[in-house]
Protein backbone atom coordinates (compact mmCIF):
# COMPACT_ATOMS: atom_id res chain seq x y z
CA MET A 1 -16.81 6.36 -19.79
CA THR A 2 -16.76 7.17 -23.03
CA LEU A 3 -13.04 9.00 -22.36
CA LEU A 4 -12.00 6.01 -19.83
CA ILE A 5 -12.55 2.80 -22.73
CA ALA A 6 -10.82 5.72 -25.02
CA GLY A 7 -8.24 5.99 -23.64
CA LEU A 8 -7.61 2.57 -22.72
CA LEU A 9 -8.29 1.47 -26.08
CA VAL A 10 -5.78 3.94 -27.54
CA TRP A 11 -2.88 2.86 -24.61
CA SER A 12 -3.71 -1.17 -25.64
CA LEU A 13 -3.77 -0.61 -29.19
CA VAL A 14 -0.73 1.47 -29.43
CA HIS A 15 1.14 -1.38 -27.32
CA LEU A 16 0.58 -4.50 -28.84
CA THR A 17 1.09 -2.99 -32.17
CA PRO A 18 4.70 -4.15 -32.30
CA THR A 19 3.93 -7.55 -31.22
CA LEU A 20 0.06 -7.76 -33.08
CA ALA A 21 0.50 -5.30 -36.04
CA SER A 22 4.64 -5.58 -36.73
CA PRO A 23 3.90 -4.77 -40.41
CA LEU A 24 2.56 -1.20 -39.41
CA LYS A 25 5.18 -0.95 -36.78
CA GLN A 26 7.51 -1.43 -39.73
CA ASN A 27 5.93 1.09 -41.92
CA LEU A 28 5.28 3.52 -39.59
CA VAL A 29 9.56 3.16 -38.65
CA ASP A 30 9.85 3.07 -42.51
CA ARG A 31 7.63 6.18 -42.99
CA PHE A 32 8.85 8.38 -40.32
CA GLY A 33 12.38 7.23 -39.24
CA GLN A 34 12.22 5.41 -35.92
CA LYS A 35 12.51 9.50 -33.98
CA GLY A 36 9.66 9.42 -35.88
CA TYR A 37 8.05 6.17 -34.93
CA LYS A 38 9.24 6.89 -31.37
CA LEU A 39 7.65 10.36 -30.97
CA ILE A 40 3.60 9.20 -32.36
CA PHE A 41 4.40 6.15 -29.76
CA THR A 42 5.02 8.50 -27.13
CA ALA A 43 2.44 11.25 -28.17
CA LEU A 44 -0.18 8.39 -28.34
CA ILE A 45 0.62 7.29 -25.10
CA LEU A 46 0.37 11.01 -23.34
CA LEU A 47 -3.14 10.99 -25.05
CA SER A 48 -4.27 7.51 -23.73
CA ILE A 49 -3.43 8.63 -20.01
CA ALA A 50 -4.91 12.29 -20.69
CA LEU A 51 -7.88 10.32 -21.91
CA MET A 52 -8.07 8.09 -19.04
CA VAL A 53 -6.94 10.55 -15.96
CA PHE A 54 -10.34 12.89 -17.56
CA GLY A 55 -12.33 9.74 -18.30
CA TRP A 56 -11.85 8.88 -14.65
CA ARG A 57 -12.18 12.46 -12.81
CA SER A 58 -15.06 12.48 -15.28
CA ILE A 59 -17.35 9.22 -14.04
CA GLU A 60 -19.60 9.76 -10.98
CA PRO A 61 -18.87 5.90 -9.80
CA THR A 62 -21.45 3.29 -9.26
CA PHE A 63 -20.49 1.13 -5.98
CA LEU A 64 -20.23 -2.73 -7.09
CA TYR A 65 -18.15 -4.03 -4.34
CA MET A 66 -16.24 -3.19 -0.84
CA LEU A 67 -13.61 -5.40 0.81
CA PRO A 68 -13.19 -4.91 4.31
CA TYR A 69 -11.27 -1.92 5.09
CA SER A 70 -8.78 -4.34 7.45
CA LEU A 71 -7.52 -5.41 3.58
CA LYS A 72 -6.17 -1.55 2.89
CA HIS A 73 -2.47 -2.50 3.83
CA ALA A 74 -2.46 -5.59 2.12
CA PHE A 75 -3.52 -3.54 -0.80
CA MET A 76 -1.09 -1.13 -0.63
CA LEU A 77 2.00 -3.82 -0.11
CA LEU A 78 0.70 -5.00 -2.92
CA ILE A 79 1.11 -1.53 -4.88
CA PHE A 80 4.67 -0.90 -3.01
CA ILE A 81 5.54 -4.45 -4.83
CA ALA A 82 4.50 -3.54 -8.03
CA PHE A 83 6.59 -0.25 -8.07
CA ILE A 84 9.40 -2.05 -7.35
CA LEU A 85 8.96 -4.29 -9.84
CA MET A 86 8.19 -1.84 -12.26
CA GLY A 87 11.50 0.17 -11.43
CA ALA A 88 13.56 -3.62 -11.55
CA SER A 89 12.71 -3.69 -15.31
CA ASN A 90 15.06 -0.23 -15.43
CA TYR A 91 18.03 -1.66 -14.73
CA PRO A 92 20.20 -5.41 -14.37
CA THR A 93 18.61 -7.40 -11.19
CA ARG A 94 17.75 -10.27 -9.82
CA ILE A 95 14.51 -9.55 -9.94
CA LYS A 96 14.71 -10.26 -13.75
CA SER A 97 16.29 -13.52 -12.79
CA VAL A 98 13.34 -14.79 -11.64
CA ILE A 99 10.89 -12.44 -13.40
CA ARG A 100 10.89 -12.59 -17.01
CA HIS A 101 8.83 -9.48 -17.27
CA PRO A 102 8.99 -7.66 -14.15
CA GLN A 103 7.04 -3.54 -15.74
CA LEU A 104 3.96 -6.25 -16.82
CA THR A 105 3.91 -7.95 -13.57
CA GLY A 106 4.42 -5.10 -11.74
CA VAL A 107 1.54 -3.54 -14.32
CA ALA A 108 -0.39 -6.28 -13.03
CA ILE A 109 0.13 -6.44 -9.62
CA TRP A 110 -0.70 -2.39 -9.53
CA ALA A 111 -3.90 -3.08 -11.05
CA LEU A 112 -5.21 -5.69 -9.03
CA ALA A 113 -4.46 -4.36 -5.32
CA HIS A 114 -6.77 -1.30 -7.26
CA LEU A 115 -9.38 -3.70 -8.01
CA LEU A 116 -9.38 -4.86 -4.28
CA LEU A 117 -9.39 -1.61 -2.97
CA ASN A 118 -11.55 0.09 -5.49
CA GLY A 119 -14.97 -1.46 -6.20
CA ASP A 120 -16.41 1.15 -8.30
CA SER A 121 -17.38 0.78 -12.21
CA ARG A 122 -14.63 3.62 -13.42
CA SER A 123 -11.95 1.13 -11.05
CA VAL A 124 -13.27 -1.91 -12.55
CA VAL A 125 -13.10 -0.36 -16.37
CA LEU A 126 -9.51 1.27 -15.70
CA PHE A 127 -7.56 -1.71 -13.50
CA GLY A 128 -9.25 -4.17 -14.94
CA GLY A 129 -8.56 -3.44 -18.54
CA LEU A 130 -5.03 -2.02 -17.51
CA GLY A 131 -4.47 -5.95 -15.82
CA ILE A 132 -5.90 -7.67 -19.04
CA TRP A 133 -3.30 -5.13 -21.23
CA ALA A 134 -0.49 -6.29 -19.22
CA VAL A 135 -1.57 -10.74 -19.31
CA LEU A 136 -1.94 -10.19 -22.08
CA GLU A 137 0.97 -8.14 -23.20
CA ILE A 138 3.10 -10.84 -21.51
CA ILE A 139 1.43 -14.03 -22.79
CA LEU A 140 1.91 -12.46 -26.55
CA ILE A 141 5.56 -10.87 -25.85
CA ASN A 142 6.09 -14.74 -24.65
CA ARG A 143 4.83 -15.89 -27.70
CA ARG A 144 6.85 -13.75 -29.94
CA GLU A 145 10.14 -14.01 -28.75
CA GLY A 146 10.77 -17.38 -27.41
CA ALA A 147 12.12 -18.90 -24.59
CA TRP A 148 13.59 -16.99 -21.94
CA VAL A 149 17.06 -16.59 -21.08
CA LYS A 150 17.53 -15.26 -17.67
CA PRO A 151 19.74 -11.76 -17.58
CA ALA A 152 22.86 -11.38 -15.23
CA SER A 153 22.67 -9.70 -12.22
CA ALA A 154 23.91 -6.71 -11.52
CA GLY A 155 26.33 -5.83 -8.10
CA TRP A 156 24.57 -5.27 -4.90
CA ALA A 157 25.29 -2.02 -4.94
CA ARG A 158 23.21 -1.45 -8.27
CA GLU A 159 20.20 -3.49 -6.23
CA VAL A 160 19.89 -0.93 -3.46
CA ARG A 161 20.03 1.55 -5.95
CA GLY A 162 17.62 1.10 -7.54
CA LEU A 163 15.13 -0.57 -4.65
CA ALA A 164 15.87 3.41 -3.59
CA ILE A 165 14.64 4.99 -6.87
CA SER A 166 11.60 2.23 -6.67
CA ILE A 167 10.66 3.83 -3.41
CA VAL A 168 11.25 7.22 -4.31
CA VAL A 169 8.69 7.07 -7.03
CA PHE A 170 6.47 5.27 -5.05
CA VAL A 171 6.67 8.07 -2.32
CA VAL A 172 6.20 10.72 -5.43
CA PHE A 173 3.12 8.72 -6.81
CA ALA A 174 1.79 8.42 -3.03
CA VAL A 175 2.09 12.20 -3.00
CA ALA A 176 1.03 13.26 -5.83
CA HIS A 177 -2.00 10.65 -6.35
CA PRO A 178 -4.93 12.99 -4.84
CA TYR A 179 -3.98 15.47 -7.73
CA PHE A 180 -4.43 12.88 -10.74
CA ALA A 181 -6.68 10.58 -9.40
CA GLY A 182 -8.82 12.76 -7.21
CA VAL A 183 -8.66 10.08 -4.44
CA SER A 184 -6.86 10.27 -1.20
CA LEU A 185 -4.47 7.42 0.07
CA HIS A 186 -5.45 7.61 3.50
């Protein structure tokens, strides 16, 4: 559990630094430049992901709860919606005119769906931790940025292309899921 918690802490602290420790971020940018800062940020995020994956895989799960299997498809639909939201954050879309933080909202929905699907101890730590981080990040960014100015939407062709990309990414993750998570989706 130590690796998993360490990964969650590194992930959260690195992502929260721009909001909670902006002088530290500015110090790093001044010292290493914008590219150097981004390289450090990326390296720490990759480290956190590795810690979470290896931590997850090294834990023998203890089952805490199990929701009815008949709800599995509804929870998988939530994950699909989460992927669409996460993808929508990368291009101008109508979703952004309704949801201020589609990527973080997608992460929160993804985490919730995984908590509903997996009632074991390692899932509660991993997905509960990531869900809490996403909600906290939304609150802190809203506080830092103030009033929301809704962006303009793109044309329908851009919307459809973005949706298609999100669907492809979802399928790739679904196929690769057993290899990086060690858990089959069947």
